[in-house]
Amino acid sequence: MKTVKRTMSTMALAATIFLTVSCKNGNKEEAAAPMSNEMHQESMDDKDDMVMSDNEDAKAAAILNDYFNLKDALVNDDNGKAKELGNTMAQSLKAFDASNYSDNEKSELNDIIEDATEHAEHISESDIKHQREHFKVLSKDITDMVAITGTATKLYEQYCPMYDGGTAWLSKEENVLNPYYGSSMLRCGKVQREIN
């Protein structure tokens, strides 16, 4: 878990350093840089941190699907739908089975799932401002989960420099739709890396 957190923190810092223009002046058509191997020099059990499996675990896929639905509800400023989806995601997280993973991965996944479940439950009970605060941590948890479980689907890690000192989230689409600001700053952000 520490390796994944350190890697994510390093990447977030690097993204912040390279950010030279505000969201409004950013080029929306800028090509996404593929994830480079230099970002992942440390490994777990002789695997890269972001190994993506062709045979994606069905429960991990369900969690990702719930995450994307929740993200879309926040993009649309829909507090009620986000509450409902936070509850749905909490149930999917509780149903996740880490038994097919190595002992190290199982331990990390259990920690991630426990934390993510707590944040999903808070989202199911909160106003939209607090939902977005919990979604920030939930996004990090889901990114950490994908680093272990992998995904057969290409994902885009997107980054908004303006929300809470800089915040990332995952998306299935390259097009940036900001879940932290919704309609007030819908296009604020950029793709910082592809995960595939």
N, C-alpha and C. Protein backbone atom coordinates (compact mmCIF):
# COMPACT_ATOMS: atom_id res chain seq x y z
N MET A 1 0.83 -1.19 0.00
CA MET A 1 0.00 0.00 0.00
C MET A 1 0.88 1.25 0.00
N LYS A 2 1.97 1.20 0.79
CA LYS A 2 2.86 2.36 0.86
C LYS A 2 3.48 2.63 -0.50
N THR A 3 3.85 1.57 -1.23
CA THR A 3 4.45 1.74 -2.56
C THR A 3 3.47 2.40 -3.50
N VAL A 4 2.23 1.95 -3.50
CA VAL A 4 1.22 2.52 -4.38
C VAL A 4 0.96 3.97 -4.00
N LYS A 5 0.82 4.25 -2.69
CA LYS A 5 0.57 5.62 -2.24
C LYS A 5 1.74 6.53 -2.60
N ARG A 6 2.98 6.04 -2.41
CA ARG A 6 4.16 6.84 -2.73
C ARG A 6 4.20 7.13 -4.22
N THR A 7 3.90 6.13 -5.03
CA THR A 7 3.90 6.30 -6.47
C THR A 7 2.85 7.31 -6.90
N MET A 8 1.64 7.19 -6.35
CA MET A 8 0.56 8.11 -6.69
C MET A 8 0.90 9.53 -6.24
N SER A 9 1.48 9.67 -5.05
CA SER A 9 1.87 11.00 -4.56
C SER A 9 2.92 11.62 -5.45
N THR A 10 3.90 10.82 -5.87
CA THR A 10 4.95 11.31 -6.75
C THR A 10 4.37 11.76 -8.08
N MET A 11 3.44 10.97 -8.60
CA MET A 11 2.83 11.32 -9.87
C MET A 11 1.99 12.58 -9.75
N ALA A 12 1.27 12.73 -8.65
CA ALA A 12 0.46 13.92 -8.45
C ALA A 12 1.36 15.16 -8.35
N LEU A 13 2.47 15.03 -7.64
CA LEU A 13 3.41 16.13 -7.53
C LEU A 13 4.00 16.49 -8.88
N ALA A 14 4.37 15.47 -9.66
CA ALA A 14 4.92 15.72 -11.00
C ALA A 14 3.90 16.41 -11.89
N ALA A 15 2.64 15.99 -11.80
CA ALA A 15 1.59 16.60 -12.61
C ALA A 15 1.41 18.07 -12.23
N THR A 16 1.46 18.36 -10.93
CA THR A 16 1.32 19.73 -10.46
C THR A 16 2.46 20.61 -10.96
N ILE A 17 3.67 20.07 -10.92
CA ILE A 17 4.84 20.82 -11.37
C ILE A 17 4.74 21.15 -12.85
N PHE A 18 4.28 20.18 -13.63
CA PHE A 18 4.20 20.38 -15.07
C PHE A 18 3.01 21.22 -15.51
N LEU A 19 2.09 21.45 -14.62
CA LEU A 19 0.92 22.25 -14.97
C LEU A 19 1.33 23.72 -15.05
N THR A 20 1.27 24.29 -16.23
CA THR A 20 1.74 25.67 -16.39
C THR A 20 0.65 26.64 -16.79
N VAL A 21 -0.53 26.14 -17.06
CA VAL A 21 -1.61 27.04 -17.43
C VAL A 21 -2.85 26.71 -16.63
N SER A 22 -3.73 27.66 -16.47
CA SER A 22 -4.98 27.39 -15.75
C SER A 22 -5.90 26.53 -16.59
N CYS A 23 -6.95 26.04 -15.98
CA CYS A 23 -7.90 25.16 -16.68
C CYS A 23 -8.50 25.86 -17.89
N LYS A 24 -8.81 27.10 -17.74
CA LYS A 24 -9.48 27.82 -18.83
C LYS A 24 -8.58 28.00 -20.03
N ASN A 25 -7.27 28.05 -19.83
CA ASN A 25 -6.34 28.25 -20.93
C ASN A 25 -5.76 26.95 -21.46
N GLY A 26 -6.10 25.82 -20.84
CA GLY A 26 -5.56 24.52 -21.25
C GLY A 26 -6.08 24.12 -22.61
N ASN A 27 -5.26 23.39 -23.35
CA ASN A 27 -5.65 22.90 -24.65
C ASN A 27 -6.41 21.60 -24.47
N LYS A 28 -7.72 21.60 -24.78
CA LYS A 28 -8.54 20.42 -24.58
C LYS A 28 -8.22 19.31 -25.56
N GLU A 29 -7.59 19.64 -26.66
CA GLU A 29 -7.28 18.65 -27.68
C GLU A 29 -5.90 18.03 -27.48
N GLU A 30 -5.20 18.41 -26.41
CA GLU A 30 -3.86 17.91 -26.16
C GLU A 30 -3.88 16.39 -25.98
N ALA A 31 -2.98 15.70 -26.66
CA ALA A 31 -2.94 14.23 -26.58
C ALA A 31 -2.50 13.79 -25.19
N ALA A 32 -3.09 12.72 -24.74
CA ALA A 32 -2.71 12.16 -23.45
C ALA A 32 -1.40 11.41 -23.57
N ALA A 33 -0.55 11.60 -22.59
CA ALA A 33 0.72 10.90 -22.58
C ALA A 33 0.51 9.51 -22.00
N PRO A 34 0.97 8.48 -22.69
CA PRO A 34 0.82 7.15 -22.11
C PRO A 34 1.65 7.04 -20.84
N MET A 35 1.24 6.15 -19.97
CA MET A 35 1.95 5.96 -18.71
C MET A 35 3.36 5.45 -19.02
N SER A 36 4.35 6.07 -18.42
CA SER A 36 5.72 5.64 -18.68
C SER A 36 6.19 4.69 -17.59
N ASN A 37 7.10 3.82 -17.95
CA ASN A 37 7.61 2.84 -17.00
C ASN A 37 8.47 3.48 -15.93
N GLU A 38 9.04 4.65 -16.21
CA GLU A 38 9.90 5.30 -15.22
C GLU A 38 9.11 5.67 -13.97
N MET A 39 7.79 5.90 -14.11
CA MET A 39 6.98 6.28 -12.96
C MET A 39 6.81 5.12 -11.99
N HIS A 40 7.10 3.92 -12.45
CA HIS A 40 6.85 2.74 -11.64
C HIS A 40 8.11 1.90 -11.51
N GLN A 41 9.11 2.44 -10.85
CA GLN A 41 10.36 1.72 -10.72
C GLN A 41 10.28 0.66 -9.63
N GLU A 42 9.49 0.90 -8.60
CA GLU A 42 9.33 -0.11 -7.56
C GLU A 42 8.25 -1.07 -8.00
N SER A 43 8.35 -2.30 -7.56
CA SER A 43 7.34 -3.27 -7.95
C SER A 43 6.91 -4.13 -6.78
N MET A 44 5.76 -4.77 -6.96
CA MET A 44 5.24 -5.71 -5.96
C MET A 44 5.34 -7.09 -6.58
N ASP A 45 6.00 -8.01 -5.89
CA ASP A 45 6.11 -9.39 -6.37
C ASP A 45 6.55 -9.46 -7.82
N ASP A 46 7.56 -8.68 -8.18
CA ASP A 46 8.12 -8.65 -9.52
C ASP A 46 7.12 -8.26 -10.60
N LYS A 47 6.08 -7.52 -10.25
CA LYS A 47 5.12 -7.01 -11.23
C LYS A 47 5.15 -5.49 -11.15
N ASP A 48 4.87 -4.82 -12.28
CA ASP A 48 4.72 -3.37 -12.23
C ASP A 48 3.49 -3.04 -11.40
N ASP A 49 3.49 -1.87 -10.73
CA ASP A 49 2.37 -1.48 -9.90
C ASP A 49 1.07 -1.40 -10.68
N MET A 50 1.12 -1.02 -11.93
CA MET A 50 -0.10 -0.80 -12.70
C MET A 50 -0.28 -1.88 -13.76
N VAL A 51 -0.02 -3.12 -13.43
CA VAL A 51 -0.24 -4.22 -14.37
C VAL A 51 -1.73 -4.32 -14.64
N MET A 52 -2.11 -4.37 -15.89
CA MET A 52 -3.50 -4.46 -16.26
C MET A 52 -3.78 -5.84 -16.82
N SER A 53 -4.71 -6.53 -16.28
CA SER A 53 -5.03 -7.89 -16.65
C SER A 53 -6.04 -7.93 -17.79
N ASP A 54 -5.85 -8.89 -18.72
CA ASP A 54 -6.84 -9.09 -19.77
C ASP A 54 -8.09 -9.73 -19.22
N ASN A 55 -7.98 -10.50 -18.14
CA ASN A 55 -9.12 -11.18 -17.52
C ASN A 55 -9.52 -10.43 -16.26
N GLU A 56 -10.19 -9.32 -16.45
CA GLU A 56 -10.58 -8.45 -15.34
C GLU A 56 -11.54 -9.16 -14.40
N ASP A 57 -11.30 -9.06 -13.12
CA ASP A 57 -12.17 -9.63 -12.11
C ASP A 57 -13.56 -8.98 -12.19
N ALA A 58 -14.60 -9.79 -12.22
CA ALA A 58 -15.97 -9.30 -12.41
C ALA A 58 -16.40 -8.35 -11.29
N LYS A 59 -16.00 -8.63 -10.05
CA LYS A 59 -16.41 -7.75 -8.94
C LYS A 59 -15.64 -6.43 -8.99
N ALA A 60 -14.38 -6.47 -9.44
CA ALA A 60 -13.62 -5.23 -9.62
C ALA A 60 -14.26 -4.41 -10.74
N ALA A 61 -14.73 -5.08 -11.79
CA ALA A 61 -15.41 -4.39 -12.89
C ALA A 61 -16.70 -3.74 -12.41
N ALA A 62 -17.44 -4.44 -11.53
CA ALA A 62 -18.68 -3.88 -10.98
C ALA A 62 -18.38 -2.64 -10.14
N ILE A 63 -17.31 -2.69 -9.36
CA ILE A 63 -16.92 -1.53 -8.55
C ILE A 63 -16.58 -0.35 -9.46
N LEU A 64 -15.81 -0.62 -10.51
CA LEU A 64 -15.46 0.46 -11.46
C LEU A 64 -16.72 1.04 -12.09
N ASN A 65 -17.64 0.20 -12.49
CA ASN A 65 -18.88 0.67 -13.10
C ASN A 65 -19.65 1.56 -12.13
N ASP A 66 -19.75 1.14 -10.87
CA ASP A 66 -20.43 1.95 -9.85
C ASP A 66 -19.69 3.28 -9.64
N TYR A 67 -18.38 3.23 -9.66
CA TYR A 67 -17.57 4.45 -9.50
C TYR A 67 -17.87 5.45 -10.63
N PHE A 68 -17.90 4.95 -11.88
CA PHE A 68 -18.15 5.83 -13.02
C PHE A 68 -19.57 6.41 -12.98
N ASN A 69 -20.54 5.62 -12.55
CA ASN A 69 -21.91 6.13 -12.41
C ASN A 69 -21.97 7.22 -11.34
N LEU A 70 -21.26 7.01 -10.23
CA LEU A 70 -21.20 8.01 -9.16
C LEU A 70 -20.52 9.28 -9.66
N LYS A 71 -19.43 9.12 -10.39
CA LYS A 71 -18.73 10.27 -10.96
C LYS A 71 -19.68 11.08 -11.84
N ASP A 72 -20.44 10.38 -12.68
CA ASP A 72 -21.37 11.07 -13.58
C ASP A 72 -22.46 11.82 -12.80
N ALA A 73 -22.94 11.26 -11.70
CA ALA A 73 -23.94 11.94 -10.88
C ALA A 73 -23.35 13.24 -10.30
N LEU A 74 -22.09 13.20 -9.89
CA LEU A 74 -21.44 14.41 -9.37
C LEU A 74 -21.20 15.43 -10.49
N VAL A 75 -20.83 14.96 -11.66
CA VAL A 75 -20.67 15.84 -12.82
C VAL A 75 -21.98 16.59 -13.08
N ASN A 76 -23.11 15.88 -12.92
CA ASN A 76 -24.44 16.46 -13.17
C ASN A 76 -25.03 17.17 -11.96
N ASP A 77 -24.24 17.35 -10.90
CA ASP A 77 -24.69 18.04 -9.68
C ASP A 77 -25.93 17.38 -9.07
N ASP A 78 -26.04 16.07 -9.19
CA ASP A 78 -27.23 15.34 -8.74
C ASP A 78 -26.97 14.68 -7.38
N ASN A 79 -27.26 15.42 -6.31
CA ASN A 79 -27.02 14.96 -4.95
C ASN A 79 -27.79 13.69 -4.63
N GLY A 80 -29.06 13.63 -5.00
CA GLY A 80 -29.89 12.47 -4.71
C GLY A 80 -29.39 11.21 -5.40
N LYS A 81 -29.03 11.33 -6.67
CA LYS A 81 -28.52 10.18 -7.43
C LYS A 81 -27.17 9.75 -6.85
N ALA A 82 -26.34 10.71 -6.48
CA ALA A 82 -25.04 10.39 -5.89
C ALA A 82 -25.21 9.64 -4.57
N LYS A 83 -26.20 10.02 -3.77
CA LYS A 83 -26.48 9.30 -2.51
C LYS A 83 -26.82 7.85 -2.81
N GLU A 84 -27.73 7.66 -3.77
CA GLU A 84 -28.15 6.31 -4.16
C GLU A 84 -26.96 5.49 -4.67
N LEU A 85 -26.14 6.10 -5.51
CA LEU A 85 -25.00 5.40 -6.10
C LEU A 85 -23.88 5.17 -5.08
N GLY A 86 -23.76 6.06 -4.11
CA GLY A 86 -22.80 5.83 -3.03
C GLY A 86 -23.15 4.57 -2.27
N ASN A 87 -24.43 4.37 -2.01
CA ASN A 87 -24.90 3.16 -1.33
C ASN A 87 -24.65 1.93 -2.19
N THR A 88 -24.97 2.03 -3.48
CA THR A 88 -24.74 0.91 -4.41
C THR A 88 -23.27 0.53 -4.44
N MET A 89 -22.41 1.54 -4.49
CA MET A 89 -20.97 1.28 -4.55
C MET A 89 -20.48 0.65 -3.24
N ALA A 90 -21.00 1.11 -2.12
CA ALA A 90 -20.61 0.52 -0.83
C ALA A 90 -20.93 -0.98 -0.82
N GLN A 91 -22.08 -1.35 -1.36
CA GLN A 91 -22.47 -2.76 -1.41
C GLN A 91 -21.54 -3.55 -2.34
N SER A 92 -21.18 -2.98 -3.49
CA SER A 92 -20.25 -3.65 -4.41
C SER A 92 -18.88 -3.83 -3.77
N LEU A 93 -18.44 -2.82 -3.05
CA LEU A 93 -17.14 -2.90 -2.37
C LEU A 93 -17.16 -4.00 -1.31
N LYS A 94 -18.24 -4.09 -0.56
CA LYS A 94 -18.35 -5.12 0.48
C LYS A 94 -18.37 -6.53 -0.12
N ALA A 95 -18.84 -6.65 -1.37
CA ALA A 95 -18.92 -7.96 -2.02
C ALA A 95 -17.61 -8.37 -2.70
N PHE A 96 -16.63 -7.48 -2.72
CA PHE A 96 -15.37 -7.78 -3.39
C PHE A 96 -14.63 -8.90 -2.66
N ASP A 97 -14.09 -9.83 -3.43
CA ASP A 97 -13.37 -10.98 -2.88
C ASP A 97 -11.92 -10.92 -3.34
N ALA A 98 -11.01 -10.72 -2.41
CA ALA A 98 -9.59 -10.60 -2.74
C ALA A 98 -8.85 -11.92 -2.65
N SER A 99 -9.55 -13.04 -2.51
CA SER A 99 -8.89 -14.32 -2.27
C SER A 99 -8.03 -14.81 -3.43
N ASN A 100 -8.24 -14.32 -4.65
CA ASN A 100 -7.45 -14.76 -5.81
C ASN A 100 -6.12 -14.02 -5.94
N TYR A 101 -5.82 -13.14 -5.02
CA TYR A 101 -4.61 -12.33 -5.10
C TYR A 101 -3.56 -12.84 -4.12
N SER A 102 -2.32 -12.43 -4.34
CA SER A 102 -1.24 -12.82 -3.43
C SER A 102 -1.51 -12.26 -2.04
N ASP A 103 -0.80 -12.75 -1.03
CA ASP A 103 -1.01 -12.28 0.34
C ASP A 103 -0.78 -10.78 0.46
N ASN A 104 0.28 -10.28 -0.19
CA ASN A 104 0.57 -8.84 -0.17
C ASN A 104 -0.57 -8.06 -0.80
N GLU A 105 -0.98 -8.49 -2.00
CA GLU A 105 -2.05 -7.80 -2.71
C GLU A 105 -3.36 -7.89 -1.94
N LYS A 106 -3.62 -9.04 -1.36
CA LYS A 106 -4.85 -9.25 -0.59
C LYS A 106 -4.91 -8.27 0.58
N SER A 107 -3.79 -8.12 1.28
CA SER A 107 -3.72 -7.20 2.41
C SER A 107 -3.97 -5.76 1.96
N GLU A 108 -3.31 -5.36 0.88
CA GLU A 108 -3.50 -4.00 0.36
C GLU A 108 -4.92 -3.79 -0.13
N LEU A 109 -5.45 -4.76 -0.86
CA LEU A 109 -6.82 -4.64 -1.35
C LEU A 109 -7.82 -4.54 -0.21
N ASN A 110 -7.65 -5.33 0.82
CA ASN A 110 -8.56 -5.26 1.97
C ASN A 110 -8.52 -3.88 2.62
N ASP A 111 -7.33 -3.29 2.74
CA ASP A 111 -7.21 -1.93 3.29
C ASP A 111 -7.91 -0.91 2.39
N ILE A 112 -7.67 -1.04 1.08
CA ILE A 112 -8.28 -0.12 0.10
C ILE A 112 -9.80 -0.24 0.16
N ILE A 113 -10.30 -1.47 0.13
CA ILE A 113 -11.74 -1.70 0.11
C ILE A 113 -12.40 -1.17 1.38
N GLU A 114 -11.75 -1.37 2.52
CA GLU A 114 -12.30 -0.86 3.79
C GLU A 114 -12.43 0.66 3.75
N ASP A 115 -11.37 1.34 3.31
CA ASP A 115 -11.39 2.80 3.24
C ASP A 115 -12.41 3.28 2.21
N ALA A 116 -12.41 2.66 1.03
CA ALA A 116 -13.33 3.06 -0.03
C ALA A 116 -14.78 2.87 0.39
N THR A 117 -15.06 1.79 1.10
CA THR A 117 -16.42 1.52 1.57
C THR A 117 -16.88 2.62 2.52
N GLU A 118 -16.00 3.04 3.42
CA GLU A 118 -16.33 4.11 4.35
C GLU A 118 -16.69 5.40 3.61
N HIS A 119 -15.90 5.73 2.59
CA HIS A 119 -16.16 6.97 1.83
C HIS A 119 -17.43 6.85 1.00
N ALA A 120 -17.67 5.68 0.41
CA ALA A 120 -18.91 5.47 -0.35
C ALA A 120 -20.13 5.61 0.57
N GLU A 121 -20.02 5.08 1.78
CA GLU A 121 -21.13 5.20 2.74
C GLU A 121 -21.36 6.66 3.13
N HIS A 122 -20.28 7.42 3.31
CA HIS A 122 -20.44 8.85 3.61
C HIS A 122 -21.11 9.57 2.45
N ILE A 123 -20.75 9.21 1.23
CA ILE A 123 -21.37 9.83 0.05
C ILE A 123 -22.87 9.56 0.05
N SER A 124 -23.27 8.38 0.51
CA SER A 124 -24.69 8.02 0.50
C SER A 124 -25.50 8.80 1.53
N GLU A 125 -24.82 9.57 2.40
CA GLU A 125 -25.51 10.28 3.48
C GLU A 125 -25.26 11.79 3.47
N SER A 126 -24.54 12.32 2.46
CA SER A 126 -24.04 13.69 2.55
C SER A 126 -24.64 14.63 1.52
N ASP A 127 -24.45 15.93 1.79
CA ASP A 127 -24.78 16.93 0.78
C ASP A 127 -23.69 16.88 -0.29
N ILE A 128 -23.92 17.55 -1.41
CA ILE A 128 -23.02 17.39 -2.56
C ILE A 128 -21.60 17.89 -2.27
N LYS A 129 -21.46 18.93 -1.46
CA LYS A 129 -20.12 19.42 -1.14
C LYS A 129 -19.31 18.34 -0.43
N HIS A 130 -19.93 17.70 0.55
CA HIS A 130 -19.24 16.64 1.28
C HIS A 130 -19.09 15.38 0.42
N GLN A 131 -20.03 15.13 -0.47
CA GLN A 131 -19.89 14.01 -1.39
C GLN A 131 -18.62 14.17 -2.21
N ARG A 132 -18.39 15.37 -2.67
CA ARG A 132 -17.20 15.63 -3.51
C ARG A 132 -15.92 15.49 -2.69
N GLU A 133 -15.95 15.89 -1.43
CA GLU A 133 -14.77 15.72 -0.57
C GLU A 133 -14.46 14.22 -0.40
N HIS A 134 -15.49 13.42 -0.18
CA HIS A 134 -15.29 11.97 -0.02
C HIS A 134 -14.93 11.32 -1.36
N PHE A 135 -15.44 11.86 -2.45
CA PHE A 135 -15.14 11.31 -3.78
C PHE A 135 -13.65 11.46 -4.10
N LYS A 136 -13.03 12.52 -3.59
CA LYS A 136 -11.59 12.71 -3.81
C LYS A 136 -10.81 11.52 -3.25
N VAL A 137 -11.09 11.13 -2.01
CA VAL A 137 -10.37 10.01 -1.39
C VAL A 137 -10.80 8.70 -2.05
N LEU A 138 -12.08 8.58 -2.36
CA LEU A 138 -12.59 7.39 -3.04
C LEU A 138 -11.89 7.20 -4.37
N SER A 139 -11.65 8.27 -5.10
CA SER A 139 -10.95 8.19 -6.39
C SER A 139 -9.54 7.65 -6.22
N LYS A 140 -8.86 8.09 -5.19
CA LYS A 140 -7.52 7.57 -4.92
C LYS A 140 -7.57 6.09 -4.58
N ASP A 141 -8.55 5.71 -3.77
CA ASP A 141 -8.71 4.30 -3.42
C ASP A 141 -8.97 3.44 -4.66
N ILE A 142 -9.84 3.90 -5.53
CA ILE A 142 -10.17 3.12 -6.73
C ILE A 142 -8.96 3.05 -7.67
N THR A 143 -8.20 4.12 -7.77
CA THR A 143 -6.97 4.10 -8.57
C THR A 143 -5.98 3.09 -7.99
N ASP A 144 -5.86 3.06 -6.67
CA ASP A 144 -4.98 2.08 -6.01
C ASP A 144 -5.48 0.66 -6.24
N MET A 145 -6.80 0.47 -6.23
CA MET A 145 -7.37 -0.85 -6.47
C MET A 145 -7.04 -1.32 -7.90
N VAL A 146 -7.22 -0.43 -8.87
CA VAL A 146 -6.95 -0.76 -10.27
C VAL A 146 -5.47 -1.10 -10.47
N ALA A 147 -4.61 -0.47 -9.68
CA ALA A 147 -3.18 -0.77 -9.77
C ALA A 147 -2.91 -2.24 -9.45
N ILE A 148 -3.76 -2.85 -8.66
CA ILE A 148 -3.59 -4.25 -8.27
C ILE A 148 -4.45 -5.17 -9.12
N THR A 149 -5.73 -4.82 -9.30
CA THR A 149 -6.65 -5.71 -10.00
C THR A 149 -6.51 -5.64 -11.51
N GLY A 150 -6.08 -4.49 -12.00
CA GLY A 150 -6.00 -4.29 -13.44
C GLY A 150 -7.37 -3.99 -14.02
N THR A 151 -7.37 -3.70 -15.30
CA THR A 151 -8.60 -3.42 -16.02
C THR A 151 -8.40 -3.73 -17.49
N ALA A 152 -9.41 -4.29 -18.12
CA ALA A 152 -9.35 -4.57 -19.55
C ALA A 152 -9.75 -3.34 -20.35
N THR A 153 -10.32 -2.34 -19.67
CA THR A 153 -10.80 -1.13 -20.31
C THR A 153 -9.76 -0.02 -20.17
N LYS A 154 -9.55 0.73 -21.24
CA LYS A 154 -8.65 1.89 -21.14
C LYS A 154 -9.31 2.94 -20.26
N LEU A 155 -8.57 3.43 -19.28
CA LEU A 155 -9.05 4.46 -18.38
C LEU A 155 -8.18 5.70 -18.52
N TYR A 156 -8.74 6.83 -18.16
CA TYR A 156 -8.01 8.09 -18.19
C TYR A 156 -8.01 8.67 -16.78
N GLU A 157 -6.80 8.90 -16.27
CA GLU A 157 -6.71 9.60 -14.99
C GLU A 157 -6.69 11.08 -15.32
N GLN A 158 -7.68 11.79 -14.82
CA GLN A 158 -7.81 13.21 -15.10
C GLN A 158 -7.50 14.00 -13.84
N TYR A 159 -7.11 15.24 -14.03
CA TYR A 159 -6.58 16.03 -12.92
C TYR A 159 -7.09 17.46 -12.99
N CYS A 160 -7.61 17.94 -11.88
CA CYS A 160 -8.03 19.33 -11.76
C CYS A 160 -7.10 20.02 -10.76
N PRO A 161 -6.35 21.03 -11.20
CA PRO A 161 -5.41 21.70 -10.30
C PRO A 161 -6.09 22.63 -9.30
N MET A 162 -7.36 22.92 -9.51
CA MET A 162 -8.02 23.95 -8.70
C MET A 162 -8.79 23.39 -7.51
N TYR A 163 -9.19 22.13 -7.54
CA TYR A 163 -9.98 21.59 -6.44
C TYR A 163 -9.06 21.07 -5.34
N ASP A 164 -9.15 21.66 -4.18
CA ASP A 164 -8.45 21.21 -2.98
C ASP A 164 -6.95 20.98 -3.20
N GLY A 165 -6.30 21.93 -3.86
CA GLY A 165 -4.86 21.85 -4.08
C GLY A 165 -4.45 20.91 -5.20
N GLY A 166 -5.39 20.43 -5.95
CA GLY A 166 -5.12 19.51 -7.06
C GLY A 166 -5.69 18.14 -6.76
N THR A 167 -6.53 17.65 -7.63
CA THR A 167 -7.25 16.41 -7.37
C THR A 167 -7.42 15.62 -8.66
N ALA A 168 -7.27 14.29 -8.55
CA ALA A 168 -7.41 13.41 -9.71
C ALA A 168 -8.67 12.56 -9.58
N TRP A 169 -9.10 12.01 -10.70
CA TRP A 169 -10.20 11.05 -10.75
C TRP A 169 -10.03 10.21 -12.00
N LEU A 170 -10.77 9.11 -12.07
CA LEU A 170 -10.71 8.23 -13.23
C LEU A 170 -11.92 8.45 -14.12
N SER A 171 -11.71 8.23 -15.42
CA SER A 171 -12.80 8.35 -16.38
C SER A 171 -12.62 7.31 -17.47
N LYS A 172 -13.73 6.87 -18.06
CA LYS A 172 -13.67 5.97 -19.21
C LYS A 172 -13.48 6.76 -20.50
N GLU A 173 -13.77 8.05 -20.46
CA GLU A 173 -13.67 8.91 -21.63
C GLU A 173 -12.50 9.88 -21.49
N GLU A 174 -11.89 10.19 -22.61
CA GLU A 174 -10.79 11.16 -22.61
C GLU A 174 -11.30 12.57 -22.35
N ASN A 175 -12.53 12.85 -22.76
CA ASN A 175 -13.15 14.16 -22.59
C ASN A 175 -13.30 14.46 -21.09
N VAL A 176 -12.82 15.62 -20.65
CA VAL A 176 -12.84 15.98 -19.23
C VAL A 176 -14.20 16.55 -18.85
N LEU A 177 -14.83 15.90 -17.87
CA LEU A 177 -16.05 16.40 -17.22
C LEU A 177 -15.78 16.32 -15.72
N ASN A 178 -15.64 17.47 -15.09
CA ASN A 178 -15.15 17.57 -13.72
C ASN A 178 -16.22 17.24 -12.67
N PRO A 179 -16.04 16.16 -11.90
CA PRO A 179 -17.02 15.80 -10.87
C PRO A 179 -16.92 16.67 -9.61
N TYR A 180 -15.83 17.42 -9.46
CA TYR A 180 -15.63 18.22 -8.26
C TYR A 180 -16.30 19.59 -8.35
N TYR A 181 -16.50 20.07 -9.57
CA TYR A 181 -17.16 21.36 -9.77
C TYR A 181 -18.48 21.26 -10.51
N GLY A 182 -18.72 20.16 -11.19
CA GLY A 182 -19.96 20.01 -11.94
C GLY A 182 -20.16 21.14 -12.91
N SER A 183 -21.38 21.65 -12.99
CA SER A 183 -21.71 22.67 -14.00
C SER A 183 -20.98 23.99 -13.79
N SER A 184 -20.48 24.27 -12.60
CA SER A 184 -19.81 25.56 -12.37
C SER A 184 -18.45 25.64 -13.07
N MET A 185 -17.75 24.51 -13.23
CA MET A 185 -16.47 24.49 -13.96
C MET A 185 -16.31 23.10 -14.59
N LEU A 186 -17.24 22.76 -15.45
CA LEU A 186 -17.35 21.42 -16.00
C LEU A 186 -16.10 20.94 -16.71
N ARG A 187 -15.42 21.80 -17.41
CA ARG A 187 -14.27 21.39 -18.24
C ARG A 187 -12.92 21.63 -17.57
N CYS A 188 -12.92 21.98 -16.29
CA CYS A 188 -11.66 22.25 -15.60
C CYS A 188 -10.91 20.94 -15.39
N GLY A 189 -9.73 20.85 -15.96
CA GLY A 189 -8.90 19.67 -15.79
C GLY A 189 -8.29 19.22 -17.08
N LYS A 190 -7.48 18.18 -16.96
CA LYS A 190 -6.85 17.59 -18.14
C LYS A 190 -6.52 16.14 -17.85
N VAL A 191 -6.30 15.38 -18.92
CA VAL A 191 -5.87 14.00 -18.78
C VAL A 191 -4.40 14.02 -18.39
N GLN A 192 -4.07 13.36 -17.28
CA GLN A 192 -2.65 13.33 -16.89
C GLN A 192 -1.99 12.02 -17.26
N ARG A 193 -2.78 10.96 -17.46
CA ARG A 193 -2.20 9.71 -17.96
C ARG A 193 -3.30 8.74 -18.38
N GLU A 194 -2.90 7.80 -19.22
CA GLU A 194 -3.80 6.73 -19.63
C GLU A 194 -3.42 5.48 -18.85
N ILE A 195 -4.42 4.70 -18.49
CA ILE A 195 -4.20 3.42 -17.81
C ILE A 195 -4.82 2.37 -18.71
N ASN A 196 -3.96 1.47 -19.24
CA ASN A 196 -4.50 0.40 -20.09
C ASN A 196 -3.62 -0.81 -20.07
